PDB file of all heavy atoms in Angstrom:
ATOM      1  N   VAL A   1      74.013 235.494 121.686  1.00  0.00           N
ATOM      2  CA  VAL A   1      72.920 236.375 122.201  1.00  0.00           C
ATOM      3  C   VAL A   1      73.525 237.834 122.227  1.00  0.00           C
ATOM      4  O   VAL A   1      72.815 238.734 121.787  1.00  0.00           O
ATOM      5  CB  VAL A   1      72.481 235.888 123.545  1.00  0.00           C
ATOM      6  CG1 VAL A   1      71.715 237.049 124.313  1.00  0.00           C
ATOM      7  CG2 VAL A   1      71.601 234.751 123.499  1.00  0.00           C
ATOM      8  N   MET A   2      74.740 238.001 122.725  1.00  0.00           N
ATOM      9  CA  MET A   2      75.300 239.292 122.784  1.00  0.00           C
ATOM     10  C   MET A   2      75.499 239.866 121.334  1.00  0.00           C
ATOM     11  O   MET A   2      75.314 241.112 121.168  1.00  0.00           O
ATOM     12  CB  MET A   2      76.603 239.276 123.510  1.00  0.00           C
ATOM     13  CG  MET A   2      76.500 238.971 125.004  1.00  0.00           C
ATOM     14  SD  MET A   2      78.002 239.246 125.938  1.00  0.00           S
ATOM     15  CE  MET A   2      79.123 238.075 125.127  1.00  0.00           C
ATOM     16  N   GLY A   3      75.811 239.020 120.372  1.00  0.00           N
ATOM     17  CA  GLY A   3      76.040 239.494 118.950  1.00  0.00           C
ATOM     18  C   GLY A   3      74.736 240.002 118.440  1.00  0.00           C
ATOM     19  O   GLY A   3      74.668 241.074 117.774  1.00  0.00           O
ATOM     20  N   ALA A   4      73.612 239.252 118.645  1.00  0.00           N
ATOM     21  CA  ALA A   4      72.264 239.660 118.149  1.00  0.00           C
ATOM     22  C   ALA A   4      71.882 240.997 118.792  1.00  0.00           C
ATOM     23  O   ALA A   4      71.297 241.895 118.170  1.00  0.00           O
ATOM     24  CB  ALA A   4      71.261 238.537 118.434  1.00  0.00           C
ATOM     25  N   VAL A   5      72.081 241.096 120.151  1.00  0.00           N
ATOM     26  CA  VAL A   5      71.658 242.313 120.880  1.00  0.00           C
ATOM     27  C   VAL A   5      72.470 243.453 120.264  1.00  0.00           C
ATOM     28  O   VAL A   5      71.979 244.550 120.181  1.00  0.00           O
ATOM     29  CB  VAL A   5      71.868 242.148 122.362  1.00  0.00           C
ATOM     30  CG1 VAL A   5      71.674 243.495 123.092  1.00  0.00           C
ATOM     31  CG2 VAL A   5      70.808 241.090 122.926  1.00  0.00           C
ATOM     32  N   TRP A   6      73.755 243.292 120.109  1.00  0.00           N
ATOM     33  CA  TRP A   6      74.629 244.309 119.604  1.00  0.00           C
ATOM     34  C   TRP A   6      74.146 244.895 118.265  1.00  0.00           C
ATOM     35  O   TRP A   6      74.013 246.074 118.074  1.00  0.00           O
ATOM     36  CB  TRP A   6      76.065 243.757 119.465  1.00  0.00           C
ATOM     37  CG  TRP A   6      77.116 244.817 119.036  1.00  0.00           C
ATOM     38  CD1 TRP A   6      77.165 245.436 117.842  1.00  0.00           C
ATOM     39  CD2 TRP A   6      78.131 245.338 119.849  1.00  0.00           C
ATOM     40  NE1 TRP A   6      78.211 246.296 117.836  1.00  0.00           N
ATOM     41  CE2 TRP A   6      78.866 246.237 119.062  1.00  0.00           C
ATOM     42  CE3 TRP A   6      78.526 245.034 121.159  1.00  0.00           C
ATOM     43  CZ2 TRP A   6      79.947 246.993 119.564  1.00  0.00           C
ATOM     44  CZ3 TRP A   6      79.661 245.799 121.720  1.00  0.00           C
ATOM     45  CH2 TRP A   6      80.356 246.721 120.952  1.00  0.00           C
ATOM     46  N   LEU A   7      73.782 243.931 117.344  1.00  0.00           N
ATOM     47  CA  LEU A   7      73.346 244.344 115.988  1.00  0.00           C
ATOM     48  C   LEU A   7      71.933 245.060 116.103  1.00  0.00           C
ATOM     49  O   LEU A   7      71.711 246.055 115.459  1.00  0.00           O
ATOM     50  CB  LEU A   7      73.245 243.125 115.081  1.00  0.00           C
ATOM     51  CG  LEU A   7      74.545 242.536 114.651  1.00  0.00           C
ATOM     52  CD1 LEU A   7      74.288 241.237 113.834  1.00  0.00           C
ATOM     53  CD2 LEU A   7      75.396 243.465 113.900  1.00  0.00           C
ATOM     54  N   ALA A   8      71.080 244.463 116.976  1.00  0.00           N
ATOM     55  CA  ALA A   8      69.748 245.108 117.034  1.00  0.00           C
ATOM     56  C   ALA A   8      69.807 246.511 117.646  1.00  0.00           C
ATOM     57  O   ALA A   8      69.155 247.403 117.134  1.00  0.00           O
ATOM     58  CB  ALA A   8      68.860 244.175 118.002  1.00  0.00           C
ATOM     59  N   ARG A   9      70.685 246.725 118.603  1.00  0.00           N
ATOM     60  CA  ARG A   9      70.798 248.053 119.171  1.00  0.00           C
ATOM     61  C   ARG A   9      71.449 249.051 118.224  1.00  0.00           C
ATOM     62  O   ARG A   9      70.996 250.131 118.196  1.00  0.00           O
ATOM     63  CB  ARG A   9      71.525 247.949 120.519  1.00  0.00           C
ATOM     64  CG  ARG A   9      70.757 247.330 121.581  1.00  0.00           C
ATOM     65  CD  ARG A   9      71.430 247.264 122.933  1.00  0.00           C
ATOM     66  NE  ARG A   9      70.526 246.743 123.986  1.00  0.00           N
ATOM     67  CZ  ARG A   9      70.921 246.376 125.160  1.00  0.00           C
ATOM     68  NH1 ARG A   9      72.210 246.532 125.502  1.00  0.00           N
ATOM     69  NH2 ARG A   9      70.138 245.864 126.097  1.00  0.00           N
ATOM     70  N   GLN A  10      72.433 248.607 117.550  1.00  0.00           N
ATOM     71  CA  GLN A  10      73.204 249.485 116.647  1.00  0.00           C
ATOM     72  C   GLN A  10      72.330 249.888 115.423  1.00  0.00           C
ATOM     73  O   GLN A  10      72.551 250.912 114.806  1.00  0.00           O
ATOM     74  CB  GLN A  10      74.475 248.865 116.168  1.00  0.00           C
ATOM     75  CG  GLN A  10      75.504 248.763 117.272  1.00  0.00           C
ATOM     76  CD  GLN A  10      75.882 250.077 117.918  1.00  0.00           C
ATOM     77  OE1 GLN A  10      75.613 250.229 119.082  1.00  0.00           O
ATOM     78  NE2 GLN A  10      76.297 251.027 117.161  1.00  0.00           N
ATOM     79  N   LEU A  11      71.337 249.028 115.099  1.00  0.00           N
ATOM     80  CA  LEU A  11      70.464 249.291 113.908  1.00  0.00           C
ATOM     81  C   LEU A  11      69.154 249.872 114.301  1.00  0.00           C
ATOM     82  O   LEU A  11      68.324 250.018 113.434  1.00  0.00           O
ATOM     83  CB  LEU A  11      70.350 247.979 113.096  1.00  0.00           C
ATOM     84  CG  LEU A  11      71.624 247.470 112.462  1.00  0.00           C
ATOM     85  CD1 LEU A  11      71.375 246.102 111.837  1.00  0.00           C
ATOM     86  CD2 LEU A  11      72.189 248.488 111.463  1.00  0.00           C
ATOM     87  N   THR A  12      68.939 250.108 115.566  1.00  0.00           N
ATOM     88  CA  THR A  12      67.592 250.612 115.992  1.00  0.00           C
ATOM     89  C   THR A  12      67.297 251.988 115.314  1.00  0.00           C
ATOM     90  O   THR A  12      68.087 252.876 115.372  1.00  0.00           O
ATOM     91  CB  THR A  12      67.620 250.818 117.546  1.00  0.00           C
ATOM     92  OG1 THR A  12      67.838 249.544 118.128  1.00  0.00           O
ATOM     93  CG2 THR A  12      66.281 251.395 118.012  1.00  0.00           C
ATOM     94  N   GLY A  13      66.151 252.029 114.647  1.00  0.00           N
ATOM     95  CA  GLY A  13      65.729 253.270 113.964  1.00  0.00           C
ATOM     96  C   GLY A  13      66.416 253.587 112.685  1.00  0.00           C
ATOM     97  O   GLY A  13      66.203 254.720 112.189  1.00  0.00           O
ATOM     98  N   ILE A  14      67.229 252.675 112.122  1.00  0.00           N
ATOM     99  CA  ILE A  14      67.987 253.000 110.944  1.00  0.00           C
ATOM    100  C   ILE A  14      67.109 253.144 109.731  1.00  0.00           C
ATOM    101  O   ILE A  14      67.506 253.665 108.682  1.00  0.00           O
ATOM    102  CB  ILE A  14      69.038 251.926 110.683  1.00  0.00           C
ATOM    103  CG1 ILE A  14      70.166 252.438 109.682  1.00  0.00           C
ATOM    104  CG2 ILE A  14      68.413 250.605 110.129  1.00  0.00           C
ATOM    105  CD1 ILE A  14      71.288 251.597 109.535  1.00  0.00           C
ATOM    106  N   GLU A  15      65.753 252.680 109.837  1.00  0.00           N
ATOM    107  CA  GLU A  15      64.924 252.895 108.659  1.00  0.00           C
ATOM    108  C   GLU A  15      64.665 254.428 108.397  1.00  0.00           C
ATOM    109  O   GLU A  15      64.190 254.740 107.305  1.00  0.00           O
ATOM    110  CB  GLU A  15      63.600 252.153 108.913  1.00  0.00           C
ATOM    111  CG  GLU A  15      62.829 252.657 110.195  1.00  0.00           C
ATOM    112  CD  GLU A  15      63.272 251.941 111.460  1.00  0.00           C
ATOM    113  OE1 GLU A  15      64.262 251.091 111.364  1.00  0.00           O
ATOM    114  OE2 GLU A  15      62.664 252.163 112.484  1.00  0.00           O
ATOM    115  N   ALA A  16      64.998 255.231 109.407  1.00  0.00           N
ATOM    116  CA  ALA A  16      64.872 256.639 109.172  1.00  0.00           C
ATOM    117  C   ALA A  16      66.055 257.250 108.333  1.00  0.00           C
ATOM    118  O   ALA A  16      65.933 258.360 107.885  1.00  0.00           O
ATOM    119  CB  ALA A  16      64.826 257.419 110.525  1.00  0.00           C
ATOM    120  N   PHE A  17      66.998 256.389 108.022  1.00  0.00           N
ATOM    121  CA  PHE A  17      68.154 256.763 107.267  1.00  0.00           C
ATOM    122  C   PHE A  17      68.296 255.736 106.114  1.00  0.00           C
ATOM    123  O   PHE A  17      69.082 254.733 106.283  1.00  0.00           O
ATOM    124  CB  PHE A  17      69.432 256.778 108.078  1.00  0.00           C
ATOM    125  CG  PHE A  17      70.639 257.196 107.357  1.00  0.00           C
ATOM    126  CD1 PHE A  17      70.627 258.260 106.423  1.00  0.00           C
ATOM    127  CD2 PHE A  17      71.852 256.589 107.598  1.00  0.00           C
ATOM    128  CE1 PHE A  17      71.771 258.611 105.757  1.00  0.00           C
ATOM    129  CE2 PHE A  17      73.008 256.918 107.017  1.00  0.00           C
ATOM    130  CZ  PHE A  17      72.949 257.952 106.036  1.00  0.00           C
ATOM    131  N   PRO A  18      67.540 255.893 105.006  1.00  0.00           N
ATOM    132  CA  PRO A  18      67.568 254.812 103.939  1.00  0.00           C
ATOM    133  C   PRO A  18      68.882 254.469 103.403  1.00  0.00           C
ATOM    134  O   PRO A  18      69.182 253.282 103.067  1.00  0.00           O
ATOM    135  CB  PRO A  18      66.582 255.438 102.965  1.00  0.00           C
ATOM    136  CG  PRO A  18      65.756 256.349 103.687  1.00  0.00           C
ATOM    137  CD  PRO A  18      66.661 256.904 104.748  1.00  0.00           C
ATOM    138  N   ASP A  19      69.780 255.458 103.210  1.00  0.00           N
ATOM    139  CA  ASP A  19      71.065 255.183 102.701  1.00  0.00           C
ATOM    140  C   ASP A  19      71.886 254.307 103.599  1.00  0.00           C
ATOM    141  O   ASP A  19      72.574 253.320 103.104  1.00  0.00           O
ATOM    142  CB  ASP A  19      71.900 256.494 102.487  1.00  0.00           C
ATOM    143  CG  ASP A  19      71.285 257.294 101.393  1.00  0.00           C
ATOM    144  OD1 ASP A  19      70.542 256.737 100.499  1.00  0.00           O
ATOM    145  OD2 ASP A  19      71.687 258.478 101.228  1.00  0.00           O
ATOM    146  N   GLY A  20      71.768 254.443 104.901  1.00  0.00           N
ATOM    147  CA  GLY A  20      72.411 253.547 105.834  1.00  0.00           C
ATOM    148  C   GLY A  20      71.862 252.163 105.858  1.00  0.00           C
ATOM    149  O   GLY A  20      72.532 251.141 105.882  1.00  0.00           O
ATOM    150  N   ALA A  21      70.572 252.077 105.773  1.00  0.00           N
ATOM    151  CA  ALA A  21      69.869 250.800 105.689  1.00  0.00           C
ATOM    152  C   ALA A  21      70.268 250.025 104.375  1.00  0.00           C
ATOM    153  O   ALA A  21      70.423 248.792 104.309  1.00  0.00           O
ATOM    154  CB  ALA A  21      68.356 250.909 105.758  1.00  0.00           C
ATOM    155  N   GLY A  22      70.457 250.849 103.306  1.00  0.00           N
ATOM    156  CA  GLY A  22      70.912 250.262 102.042  1.00  0.00           C
ATOM    157  C   GLY A  22      72.324 249.611 102.053  1.00  0.00           C
ATOM    158  O   GLY A  22      72.580 248.722 101.299  1.00  0.00           O
ATOM    159  N   ILE A  23      73.140 250.060 103.044  1.00  0.00           N
ATOM    160  CA  ILE A  23      74.511 249.528 103.221  1.00  0.00           C
ATOM    161  C   ILE A  23      74.518 248.360 104.070  1.00  0.00           C
ATOM    162  O   ILE A  23      75.048 247.302 103.787  1.00  0.00           O
ATOM    163  CB  ILE A  23      75.442 250.610 103.727  1.00  0.00           C
ATOM    164  CG1 ILE A  23      75.705 251.681 102.625  1.00  0.00           C
ATOM    165  CG2 ILE A  23      76.763 249.995 104.145  1.00  0.00           C
ATOM    166  CD1 ILE A  23      76.598 252.797 103.039  1.00  0.00           C
ATOM    167  N   THR A  24      73.799 248.486 105.234  1.00  0.00           N
ATOM    168  CA  THR A  24      73.868 247.413 106.278  1.00  0.00           C
ATOM    169  C   THR A  24      73.019 246.267 105.910  1.00  0.00           C
ATOM    170  O   THR A  24      73.308 245.077 106.233  1.00  0.00           O
ATOM    171  CB  THR A  24      73.450 248.000 107.643  1.00  0.00           C
ATOM    172  OG1 THR A  24      72.086 248.467 107.434  1.00  0.00           O
ATOM    173  CG2 THR A  24      74.400 249.061 108.049  1.00  0.00           C
ATOM    174  N   GLY A  25      71.864 246.424 105.211  1.00  0.00           N
ATOM    175  CA  GLY A  25      71.067 245.363 104.826  1.00  0.00           C
ATOM    176  C   GLY A  25      71.744 244.275 103.948  1.00  0.00           C
ATOM    177  O   GLY A  25      71.718 243.064 104.416  1.00  0.00           O
ATOM    178  N   PRO A  26      72.305 244.586 102.839  1.00  0.00           N
ATOM    179  CA  PRO A  26      73.010 243.676 102.016  1.00  0.00           C
ATOM    180  C   PRO A  26      74.192 242.993 102.712  1.00  0.00           C
ATOM    181  O   PRO A  26      74.442 241.856 102.542  1.00  0.00           O
ATOM    182  CB  PRO A  26      73.468 244.421 100.810  1.00  0.00           C
ATOM    183  CG  PRO A  26      72.539 245.621 100.719  1.00  0.00           C
ATOM    184  CD  PRO A  26      72.170 245.913 102.176  1.00  0.00           C
ATOM    185  N   MET A  27      74.931 243.809 103.571  1.00  0.00           N
ATOM    186  CA  MET A  27      76.056 243.194 104.233  1.00  0.00           C
ATOM    187  C   MET A  27      75.597 242.088 105.227  1.00  0.00           C
ATOM    188  O   MET A  27      76.208 241.058 105.217  1.00  0.00           O
ATOM    189  CB  MET A  27      76.762 244.303 105.035  1.00  0.00           C
ATOM    190  CG  MET A  27      77.937 243.860 105.799  1.00  0.00           C
ATOM    191  SD  MET A  27      78.633 245.104 106.908  1.00  0.00           S
ATOM    192  CE  MET A  27      77.439 245.074 108.203  1.00  0.00           C
ATOM    193  N   LEU A  28      74.555 242.339 106.022  1.00  0.00           N
ATOM    194  CA  LEU A  28      74.063 241.339 106.898  1.00  0.00           C
ATOM    195  C   LEU A  28      73.428 240.120 106.229  1.00  0.00           C
ATOM    196  O   LEU A  28      73.561 238.967 106.632  1.00  0.00           O
ATOM    197  CB  LEU A  28      73.077 241.953 107.962  1.00  0.00           C
ATOM    198  CG  LEU A  28      73.669 242.981 108.866  1.00  0.00           C
ATOM    199  CD1 LEU A  28      72.615 243.577 109.751  1.00  0.00           C
ATOM    200  CD2 LEU A  28      74.803 242.491 109.741  1.00  0.00           C
ATOM    201  N   ALA A  29      72.678 240.433 105.118  1.00  0.00           N
ATOM    202  CA  ALA A  29      72.147 239.419 104.352  1.00  0.00           C
ATOM    203  C   ALA A  29      73.194 238.480 103.757  1.00  0.00           C
ATOM    204  O   ALA A  29      73.008 237.238 103.700  1.00  0.00           O
ATOM    205  CB  ALA A  29      71.266 240.001 103.213  1.00  0.00           C
TER     206      ALA A  29
END
């Protein structure tokens, strides 16, 4: 639960930064 919350909070609003989303998305996938 803490891991999921950690990721959700650190990625909040990252869609406003497409380059960052492009790095984190494939890594988590």
